[in-house]
Amino acid sequence: RRAPAGRIVNVSSGTASMAAMTDPGHYFWDTAA
């Protein structure tokens, strides 16, 4: 908050995308649960 323009970046994962994980056309479809 003291910085003029603070930036927070949370390193997530494409596997966090529920849209991708539930899409039969996406390569995540075949990844193990």
Full PDB file with SEQRES, HELIX, SHEET, SSBOND, CRYST1, ORIGX, SCALE, CONECT and MASTER records, all heavy atoms in Angstrom:
SEQRES   1 A   33  ARG ARG ALA PRO ALA GLY ARG ILE VAL ASN VAL SER SER          
SEQRES   2 A   33  GLY THR ALA SER MET ALA ALA MET THR ASP PRO GLY HIS          
SEQRES   3 A   33  TYR PHE TRP ASP THR ALA ALA                                  
HELIX    1 AA1 GLY A   14  ALA A   16  5                                   3    
HELIX    2 AA2 MET A   18  MET A   21  1                                   4    
HELIX    3 AA3 TYR A   27  ASP A   30  5                                   4    
CRYST1    1.000    1.000    1.000  90.00  90.00  90.00 P 1           1          
ORIGX1      1.000000  0.000000  0.000000        0.00000                         
ORIGX2      0.000000  1.000000  0.000000        0.00000                         
ORIGX3      0.000000  0.000000  1.000000        0.00000                         
SCALE1      1.000000  0.000000  0.000000        0.00000                         
SCALE2      0.000000  1.000000  0.000000        0.00000                         
SCALE3      0.000000  0.000000  1.000000        0.00000                         
ATOM      1  N   ARG A   1       0.825  -1.219   0.000  1.00  0.00           N  
ATOM      2  CA  ARG A   1       0.000   0.000   0.000  1.00  0.00           C  
ATOM      3  C   ARG A   1       0.856   1.265   0.000  1.00  0.00           C  
ATOM      4  O   ARG A   1       0.398   2.326  -0.415  1.00  0.00           O  
ATOM      5  CB  ARG A   1      -0.933  -0.009   1.208  1.00  0.00           C  
ATOM      6  CG  ARG A   1      -2.086  -1.008   1.114  1.00  0.00           C  
ATOM      7  CD  ARG A   1      -2.896  -0.961   2.396  1.00  0.00           C  
ATOM      8  NE  ARG A   1      -4.036  -1.859   2.397  1.00  0.00           N  
ATOM      9  CZ  ARG A   1      -5.253  -1.543   1.938  1.00  0.00           C  
ATOM     10  NH1 ARG A   1      -5.465  -0.331   1.431  1.00  0.00           N  
ATOM     11  NH2 ARG A   1      -6.248  -2.409   1.988  1.00  0.00           N  
ATOM     12  N   ARG A   2       2.089   1.166   0.475  1.00  0.00           N  
ATOM     13  CA  ARG A   2       2.977   2.322   0.477  1.00  0.00           C  
ATOM     14  C   ARG A   2       3.543   2.622  -0.914  1.00  0.00           C  
ATOM     15  O   ARG A   2       4.060   3.717  -1.140  1.00  0.00           O  
ATOM     16  CB  ARG A   2       4.147   2.088   1.444  1.00  0.00           C  
ATOM     17  CG  ARG A   2       3.758   2.013   2.902  1.00  0.00           C  
ATOM     18  CD  ARG A   2       4.999   1.754   3.748  1.00  0.00           C  
ATOM     19  NE  ARG A   2       4.647   1.364   5.119  1.00  0.00           N  
ATOM     20  CZ  ARG A   2       5.519   0.911   6.005  1.00  0.00           C  
ATOM     21  NH1 ARG A   2       6.803   0.810   5.665  1.00  0.00           N  
ATOM     22  NH2 ARG A   2       5.125   0.564   7.208  1.00  0.00           N  
ATOM     23  N   ALA A   3       3.501   1.630  -1.792  1.00  0.00           N  
ATOM     24  CA  ALA A   3       4.058   1.811  -3.132  1.00  0.00           C  
ATOM     25  C   ALA A   3       3.106   2.645  -3.987  1.00  0.00           C  
ATOM     26  O   ALA A   3       1.882   2.585  -3.799  1.00  0.00           O  
ATOM     27  CB  ALA A   3       4.301   0.458  -3.795  1.00  0.00           C  
ATOM     28  N   PRO A   4       3.625   3.396  -4.945  1.00  0.00           N  
ATOM     29  CA  PRO A   4       2.749   4.181  -5.825  1.00  0.00           C  
ATOM     30  C   PRO A   4       1.826   3.311  -6.667  1.00  0.00           C  
ATOM     31  O   PRO A   4       0.726   3.738  -7.017  1.00  0.00           O  
ATOM     32  CB  PRO A   4       3.737   4.951  -6.713  1.00  0.00           C  
ATOM     33  CG  PRO A   4       5.016   4.966  -5.954  1.00  0.00           C  
ATOM     34  CD  PRO A   4       5.048   3.684  -5.190  1.00  0.00           C  
ATOM     35  N   ALA A   5       2.270   2.102  -7.004  1.00  0.00           N  
ATOM     36  CA  ALA A   5       1.472   1.239  -7.882  1.00  0.00           C  
ATOM     37  C   ALA A   5       1.799  -0.219  -7.573  1.00  0.00           C  
ATOM     38  O   ALA A   5       2.527  -0.884  -8.314  1.00  0.00           O  
ATOM     39  CB  ALA A   5       1.760   1.548  -9.352  1.00  0.00           C  
ATOM     40  N   GLY A   6       1.291  -0.720  -6.439  1.00  0.00           N  
ATOM     41  CA  GLY A   6       1.578  -2.090  -6.027  1.00  0.00           C  
ATOM     42  C   GLY A   6       0.992  -3.113  -6.978  1.00  0.00           C  
ATOM     43  O   GLY A   6      -0.081  -2.918  -7.548  1.00  0.00           O  
ATOM     44  N   ARG A   7       1.707  -4.208  -7.138  1.00  0.00           N  
ATOM     45  CA  ARG A   7       1.255  -5.300  -8.003  1.00  0.00           C  
ATOM     46  C   ARG A   7       1.414  -6.629  -7.264  1.00  0.00           C  
ATOM     47  O   ARG A   7       2.480  -6.916  -6.711  1.00  0.00           O  
ATOM     48  CB  ARG A   7       2.073  -5.353  -9.308  1.00  0.00           C  
ATOM     49  CG  ARG A   7       2.008  -4.059 -10.139  1.00  0.00           C  
ATOM     50  CD  ARG A   7       0.625  -3.889 -10.770  1.00  0.00           C  
ATOM     51  NE  ARG A   7       0.538  -2.669 -11.565  1.00  0.00           N  
ATOM     52  CZ  ARG A   7       0.020  -1.522 -11.147  1.00  0.00           C  
ATOM     53  NH1 ARG A   7      -0.464  -1.426  -9.902  1.00  0.00           N  
ATOM     54  NH2 ARG A   7      -0.038  -0.470 -11.938  1.00  0.00           N  
ATOM     55  N   ILE A   8       0.343  -7.422  -7.266  1.00  0.00           N  
ATOM     56  CA  ILE A   8       0.380  -8.772  -6.702  1.00  0.00           C  
ATOM     57  C   ILE A   8       0.088  -9.753  -7.831  1.00  0.00           C  
ATOM     58  O   ILE A   8      -0.913  -9.611  -8.545  1.00  0.00           O  
ATOM     59  CB  ILE A   8      -0.658  -8.952  -5.580  1.00  0.00           C  
ATOM     60  CG1 ILE A   8      -0.394  -7.962  -4.439  1.00  0.00           C  
ATOM     61  CG2 ILE A   8      -0.633 -10.386  -5.062  1.00  0.00           C  
ATOM     62  CD1 ILE A   8      -1.493  -7.944  -3.383  1.00  0.00           C  
ATOM     63  N   VAL A   9       0.970 -10.724  -7.996  1.00  0.00           N  
ATOM     64  CA  VAL A   9       0.778 -11.767  -9.008  1.00  0.00           C  
ATOM     65  C   VAL A   9       0.757 -13.110  -8.297  1.00  0.00           C  
ATOM     66  O   VAL A   9       1.724 -13.477  -7.614  1.00  0.00           O  
ATOM     67  CB  VAL A   9       1.903 -11.757 -10.062  1.00  0.00           C  
ATOM     68  CG1 VAL A   9       1.645 -12.839 -11.113  1.00  0.00           C  
ATOM     69  CG2 VAL A   9       2.020 -10.387 -10.713  1.00  0.00           C  
ATOM     70  N   ASN A  10      -0.337 -13.832  -8.428  1.00  0.00           N  
ATOM     71  CA  ASN A  10      -0.458 -15.170  -7.868  1.00  0.00           C  
ATOM     72  C   ASN A  10      -0.223 -16.186  -8.986  1.00  0.00           C  
ATOM     73  O   ASN A  10      -0.963 -16.207  -9.967  1.00  0.00           O  
ATOM     74  CB  ASN A  10      -1.842 -15.368  -7.251  1.00  0.00           C  
ATOM     75  CG  ASN A  10      -2.056 -14.472  -6.049  1.00  0.00           C  
ATOM     76  OD1 ASN A  10      -1.113 -14.158  -5.322  1.00  0.00           O  
ATOM     77  ND2 ASN A  10      -3.297 -14.061  -5.826  1.00  0.00           N  
ATOM     78  N   VAL A  11       0.811 -16.991  -8.831  1.00  0.00           N  
ATOM     79  CA  VAL A  11       1.124 -17.979  -9.861  1.00  0.00           C  
ATOM     80  C   VAL A  11       0.173 -19.156  -9.694  1.00  0.00           C  
ATOM     81  O   VAL A  11       0.267 -19.933  -8.745  1.00  0.00           O  
ATOM     82  CB  VAL A  11       2.593 -18.419  -9.795  1.00  0.00           C  
ATOM     83  CG1 VAL A  11       2.868 -19.493 -10.847  1.00  0.00           C  
ATOM     84  CG2 VAL A  11       3.510 -17.218 -10.026  1.00  0.00           C  
ATOM     85  N   SER A  12      -0.756 -19.248 -10.627  1.00  0.00           N  
ATOM     86  CA  SER A  12      -1.787 -20.271 -10.610  1.00  0.00           C  
ATOM     87  C   SER A  12      -1.405 -21.384 -11.591  1.00  0.00           C  
ATOM     88  O   SER A  12      -0.226 -21.718 -11.730  1.00  0.00           O  
ATOM     89  CB  SER A  12      -3.142 -19.638 -10.960  1.00  0.00           C  
ATOM     90  OG  SER A  12      -4.184 -20.575 -10.868  1.00  0.00           O  
ATOM     91  N   SER A  13      -2.372 -21.932 -12.276  1.00  0.00           N  
ATOM     92  CA  SER A  13      -2.139 -23.040 -13.206  1.00  0.00           C  
ATOM     93  C   SER A  13      -3.312 -23.141 -14.164  1.00  0.00           C  
ATOM     94  O   SER A  13      -4.457 -22.866 -13.779  1.00  0.00           O  
ATOM     95  CB  SER A  13      -2.004 -24.355 -12.426  1.00  0.00           C  
ATOM     96  OG  SER A  13      -2.084 -25.473 -13.287  1.00  0.00           O  
ATOM     97  N   GLY A  14      -3.020 -23.545 -15.384  1.00  0.00           N  
ATOM     98  CA  GLY A  14      -4.104 -23.800 -16.322  1.00  0.00           C  
ATOM     99  C   GLY A  14      -5.045 -24.880 -15.831  1.00  0.00           C  
ATOM    100  O   GLY A  14      -6.233 -24.899 -16.190  1.00  0.00           O  
ATOM    101  N   THR A  15      -4.547 -25.779 -14.972  1.00  0.00           N  
ATOM    102  CA  THR A  15      -5.404 -26.834 -14.432  1.00  0.00           C  
ATOM    103  C   THR A  15      -6.438 -26.289 -13.458  1.00  0.00           C  
ATOM    104  O   THR A  15      -7.329 -27.023 -13.033  1.00  0.00           O  
ATOM    105  CB  THR A  15      -4.573 -27.916 -13.722  1.00  0.00           C  
ATOM    106  OG1 THR A  15      -3.886 -27.340 -12.600  1.00  0.00           O  
ATOM    107  CG2 THR A  15      -3.562 -28.537 -14.670  1.00  0.00           C  
ATOM    108  N   ALA A  16      -6.318 -25.011 -13.085  1.00  0.00           N  
ATOM    109  CA  ALA A  16      -7.322 -24.387 -12.222  1.00  0.00           C  
ATOM    110  C   ALA A  16      -8.535 -23.931 -13.002  1.00  0.00           C  
ATOM    111  O   ALA A  16      -9.551 -23.551 -12.403  1.00  0.00           O  
ATOM    112  CB  ALA A  16      -6.706 -23.192 -11.499  1.00  0.00           C  
ATOM    113  N   SER A  17      -8.454 -23.934 -14.314  1.00  0.00           N  
ATOM    114  CA  SER A  17      -9.575 -23.500 -15.148  1.00  0.00           C  
ATOM    115  C   SER A  17     -10.619 -24.606 -15.222  1.00  0.00           C  
ATOM    116  O   SER A  17     -10.405 -25.645 -15.857  1.00  0.00           O  
ATOM    117  CB  SER A  17      -9.088 -23.162 -16.566  1.00  0.00           C  
ATOM    118  OG  SER A  17     -10.182 -23.013 -17.446  1.00  0.00           O  
ATOM    119  N   MET A  18     -11.758 -24.383 -14.598  1.00  0.00           N  
ATOM    120  CA  MET A  18     -12.824 -25.388 -14.650  1.00  0.00           C  
ATOM    121  C   MET A  18     -13.395 -25.497 -16.052  1.00  0.00           C  
ATOM    122  O   MET A  18     -13.842 -26.570 -16.472  1.00  0.00           O  
ATOM    123  CB  MET A  18     -13.889 -25.058 -13.611  1.00  0.00           C  
ATOM    124  CG  MET A  18     -13.419 -25.370 -12.201  1.00  0.00           C  
ATOM    125  SD  MET A  18     -14.615 -24.993 -10.900  1.00  0.00           S  
ATOM    126  CE  MET A  18     -14.170 -23.290 -10.559  1.00  0.00           C  
ATOM    127  N   ALA A  19     -13.350 -24.399 -16.796  1.00  0.00           N  
ATOM    128  CA  ALA A  19     -13.815 -24.443 -18.188  1.00  0.00           C  
ATOM    129  C   ALA A  19     -12.957 -25.398 -19.006  1.00  0.00           C  
ATOM    130  O   ALA A  19     -13.468 -26.211 -19.789  1.00  0.00           O  
ATOM    131  CB  ALA A  19     -13.783 -23.040 -18.788  1.00  0.00           C  
ATOM    132  N   ALA A  20     -11.639 -25.310 -18.826  1.00  0.00           N  
ATOM    133  CA  ALA A  20     -10.740 -26.187 -19.583  1.00  0.00           C  
ATOM    134  C   ALA A  20     -10.841 -27.634 -19.104  1.00  0.00           C  
ATOM    135  O   ALA A  20     -10.872 -28.569 -19.912  1.00  0.00           O  
ATOM    136  CB  ALA A  20      -9.302 -25.693 -19.454  1.00  0.00           C  
ATOM    137  N   MET A  21     -10.919 -27.821 -17.807  1.00  0.00           N  
ATOM    138  CA  MET A  21     -10.911 -29.174 -17.252  1.00  0.00           C  
ATOM    139  C   MET A  21     -12.181 -29.952 -17.577  1.00  0.00           C  
ATOM    140  O   MET A  21     -12.196 -31.183 -17.527  1.00  0.00           O  
ATOM    141  CB  MET A  21     -10.716 -29.113 -15.735  1.00  0.00           C  
ATOM    142  CG  MET A  21      -9.344 -28.623 -15.315  1.00  0.00           C  
ATOM    143  SD  MET A  21      -8.027 -29.810 -15.659  1.00  0.00           S  
ATOM    144  CE  MET A  21      -7.971 -30.709 -14.113  1.00  0.00           C  
ATOM    145  N   THR A  22     -13.259 -29.238 -17.903  1.00  0.00           N  
ATOM    146  CA  THR A  22     -14.520 -29.922 -18.221  1.00  0.00           C  
ATOM    147  C   THR A  22     -14.836 -29.901 -19.720  1.00  0.00           C  
ATOM    148  O   THR A  22     -15.937 -30.284 -20.108  1.00  0.00           O  
ATOM    149  CB  THR A  22     -15.679 -29.267 -17.449  1.00  0.00           C  
ATOM    150  OG1 THR A  22     -15.736 -27.869 -17.756  1.00  0.00           O  
ATOM    151  CG2 THR A  22     -15.509 -29.457 -15.946  1.00  0.00           C  
ATOM    152  N   ASP A  23     -13.879 -29.484 -20.525  1.00  0.00           N  
ATOM    153  CA  ASP A  23     -14.079 -29.397 -21.980  1.00  0.00           C  
ATOM    154  C   ASP A  23     -13.514 -30.639 -22.656  1.00  0.00           C  
ATOM    155  O   ASP A  23     -12.295 -30.840 -22.661  1.00  0.00           O  
ATOM    156  CB  ASP A  23     -13.373 -28.145 -22.507  1.00  0.00           C  
ATOM    157  CG  ASP A  23     -13.495 -27.990 -24.014  1.00  0.00           C  
ATOM    158  OD1 ASP A  23     -14.138 -28.845 -24.662  1.00  0.00           O  
ATOM    159  OD2 ASP A  23     -12.930 -27.013 -24.551  1.00  0.00           O  
ATOM    160  N   PRO A  24     -14.368 -31.513 -23.238  1.00  0.00           N  
ATOM    161  CA  PRO A  24     -13.859 -32.728 -23.891  1.00  0.00           C  
ATOM    162  C   PRO A  24     -12.887 -32.440 -25.029  1.00  0.00           C  
ATOM    163  O   PRO A  24     -12.100 -33.318 -25.408  1.00  0.00           O  
ATOM    164  CB  PRO A  24     -15.133 -33.401 -24.415  1.00  0.00           C  
ATOM    165  CG  PRO A  24     -16.233 -32.868 -23.565  1.00  0.00           C  
ATOM    166  CD  PRO A  24     -15.840 -31.457 -23.258  1.00  0.00           C  
ATOM    167  N   GLY A  25     -12.916 -31.230 -25.564  1.00  0.00           N  
ATOM    168  CA  GLY A  25     -12.013 -30.876 -26.642  1.00  0.00           C  
ATOM    169  C   GLY A  25     -10.679 -30.343 -26.183  1.00  0.00           C  
ATOM    170  O   GLY A  25      -9.777 -30.117 -27.006  1.00  0.00           O  
ATOM    171  N   HIS A  26     -10.519 -30.139 -24.884  1.00  0.00           N  
ATOM    172  CA  HIS A  26      -9.274 -29.602 -24.347  1.00  0.00           C  
ATOM    173  C   HIS A  26      -8.358 -30.757 -23.923  1.00  0.00           C  
ATOM    174  O   HIS A  26      -8.832 -31.794 -23.469  1.00  0.00           O  
ATOM    175  CB  HIS A  26      -9.569 -28.705 -23.150  1.00  0.00           C  
ATOM    176  CG  HIS A  26      -8.442 -27.801 -22.754  1.00  0.00           C  
ATOM    177  ND1 HIS A  26      -7.347 -28.248 -22.055  1.00  0.00           N  
ATOM    178  CD2 HIS A  26      -8.235 -26.471 -22.973  1.00  0.00           C  
ATOM    179  CE1 HIS A  26      -6.509 -27.234 -21.851  1.00  0.00           C  
ATOM    180  NE2 HIS A  26      -7.036 -26.146 -22.394  1.00  0.00           N  
ATOM    181  N   TYR A  27      -7.051 -30.548 -24.057  1.00  0.00           N  
ATOM    182  CA  TYR A  27      -6.132 -31.642 -23.710  1.00  0.00           C  
ATOM    183  C   TYR A  27      -6.162 -31.980 -22.221  1.00  0.00           C  
ATOM    184  O   TYR A  27      -5.760 -33.079 -21.823  1.00  0.00           O  
ATOM    185  CB  TYR A  27      -4.705 -31.332 -24.176  1.00  0.00           C  
ATOM    186  CG  TYR A  27      -3.960 -30.268 -23.412  1.00  0.00           C  
ATOM    187  CD1 TYR A  27      -3.154 -30.612 -22.324  1.00  0.00           C  
ATOM    188  CD2 TYR A  27      -4.026 -28.926 -23.775  1.00  0.00           C  
ATOM    189  CE1 TYR A  27      -2.456 -29.652 -21.621  1.00  0.00           C  
ATOM    190  CE2 TYR A  27      -3.325 -27.962 -23.084  1.00  0.00           C  
ATOM    191  CZ  TYR A  27      -2.542 -28.328 -22.017  1.00  0.00           C  
ATOM    192  OH  TYR A  27      -1.854 -27.361 -21.331  1.00  0.00           O  
ATOM    193  N   PHE A  28      -6.666 -31.067 -21.369  1.00  0.00           N  
ATOM    194  CA  PHE A  28      -6.797 -31.391 -19.949  1.00  0.00           C  
ATOM    195  C   PHE A  28      -7.829 -32.499 -19.702  1.00  0.00           C  
ATOM    196  O   PHE A  28      -7.818 -33.113 -18.641  1.00  0.00           O  
ATOM    197  CB  PHE A  28      -7.211 -30.148 -19.153  1.00  0.00           C  
ATOM    198  CG  PHE A  28      -6.101 -29.180 -18.870  1.00  0.00           C  
ATOM    199  CD1 PHE A  28      -6.394 -27.887 -18.467  1.00  0.00           C  
ATOM    200  CD2 PHE A  28      -4.776 -29.546 -19.006  1.00  0.00           C  
ATOM    201  CE1 PHE A  28      -5.389 -26.981 -18.203  1.00  0.00           C  
ATOM    202  CE2 PHE A  28      -3.747 -28.649 -18.745  1.00  0.00           C  
ATOM    203  CZ  PHE A  28      -4.062 -27.362 -18.340  1.00  0.00           C  
ATOM    204  N   TRP A  29      -8.725 -32.697 -20.655  1.00  0.00           N  
ATOM    205  CA  TRP A  29      -9.779 -33.698 -20.478  1.00  0.00           C  
ATOM    206  C   TRP A  29      -9.201 -35.076 -20.155  1.00  0.00           C  
ATOM    207  O   TRP A  29      -9.782 -35.853 -19.399  1.00  0.00           O  
ATOM    208  CB  TRP A  29     -10.633 -33.767 -21.744  1.00  0.00           C  
ATOM    209  CG  TRP A  29     -11.770 -34.737 -21.679  1.00  0.00           C  
ATOM    210  CD1 TRP A  29     -11.843 -35.966 -22.277  1.00  0.00           C  
ATOM    211  CD2 TRP A  29     -13.015 -34.567 -20.984  1.00  0.00           C  
ATOM    212  NE1 TRP A  29     -13.053 -36.568 -22.005  1.00  0.00           N  
ATOM    213  CE2 TRP A  29     -13.785 -35.726 -21.213  1.00  0.00           C  
ATOM    214  CE3 TRP A  29     -13.550 -33.537 -20.198  1.00  0.00           C  
ATOM    215  CZ2 TRP A  29     -15.061 -35.880 -20.682  1.00  0.00           C  
ATOM    216  CZ3 TRP A  29     -14.811 -33.697 -19.665  1.00  0.00           C  
ATOM    217  CH2 TRP A  29     -15.548 -34.861 -19.914  1.00  0.00           C  
ATOM    218  N   ASP A  30      -8.035 -35.377 -20.728  1.00  0.00           N  
ATOM    219  CA  ASP A  30      -7.421 -36.691 -20.549  1.00  0.00           C  
ATOM    220  C   ASP A  30      -6.415 -36.737 -19.406  1.00  0.00           C  
ATOM    221  O   ASP A  30      -5.783 -37.766 -19.191  1.00  0.00           O  
ATOM    222  CB  ASP A  30      -6.720 -37.133 -21.846  1.00  0.00           C  
ATOM    223  CG  ASP A  30      -7.714 -37.438 -22.957  1.00  0.00           C  
ATOM    224  OD1 ASP A  30      -8.816 -37.913 -22.633  1.00  0.00           O  
ATOM    225  OD2 ASP A  30      -7.380 -37.195 -24.127  1.00  0.00           O  
ATOM    226  N   THR A  31      -6.245 -35.644 -18.685  1.00  0.00           N  
ATOM    227  CA  THR A  31      -5.325 -35.679 -17.557  1.00  0.00           C  
ATOM    228  C   THR A  31      -5.980 -36.392 -16.383  1.00  0.00           C  
ATOM    229  O   THR A  31      -7.199 -36.354 -16.206  1.00  0.00           O  
ATOM    230  CB  THR A  31      -4.909 -34.259 -17.119  1.00  0.00           C  
ATOM    231  OG1 THR A  31      -6.072 -33.513 -16.758  1.00  0.00           O  
ATOM    232  CG2 THR A  31      -4.175 -33.544 -18.241  1.00  0.00           C  
ATOM    233  N   ALA A  32      -5.157 -37.048 -15.586  1.00  0.00           N  
ATOM    234  CA  ALA A  32      -5.683 -37.806 -14.451  1.00  0.00           C  
ATOM    235  C   ALA A  32      -6.313 -36.860 -13.424  1.00  0.00           C  
ATOM    236  O   ALA A  32      -5.833 -35.751 -13.201  1.00  0.00           O  
ATOM    237  CB  ALA A  32      -4.555 -38.601 -13.801  1.00  0.00           C  
ATOM    238  N   ALA A  33      -7.407 -37.320 -12.813  1.00  0.00           N  
ATOM    239  CA  ALA A  33      -8.044 -36.547 -11.755  1.00  0.00           C  
ATOM    240  C   ALA A  33      -7.100 -36.454 -10.564  1.00  0.00           C  
ATOM    241  O   ALA A  33      -6.450 -37.427 -10.188  1.00  0.00           O  
ATOM    242  CB  ALA A  33      -9.354 -37.205 -11.344  1.00  0.00           C  
TER     243      ALA A  33                                                      
MASTER        0    0    0    3    0    0    0    6  242    1    0    3          
END                                                                             
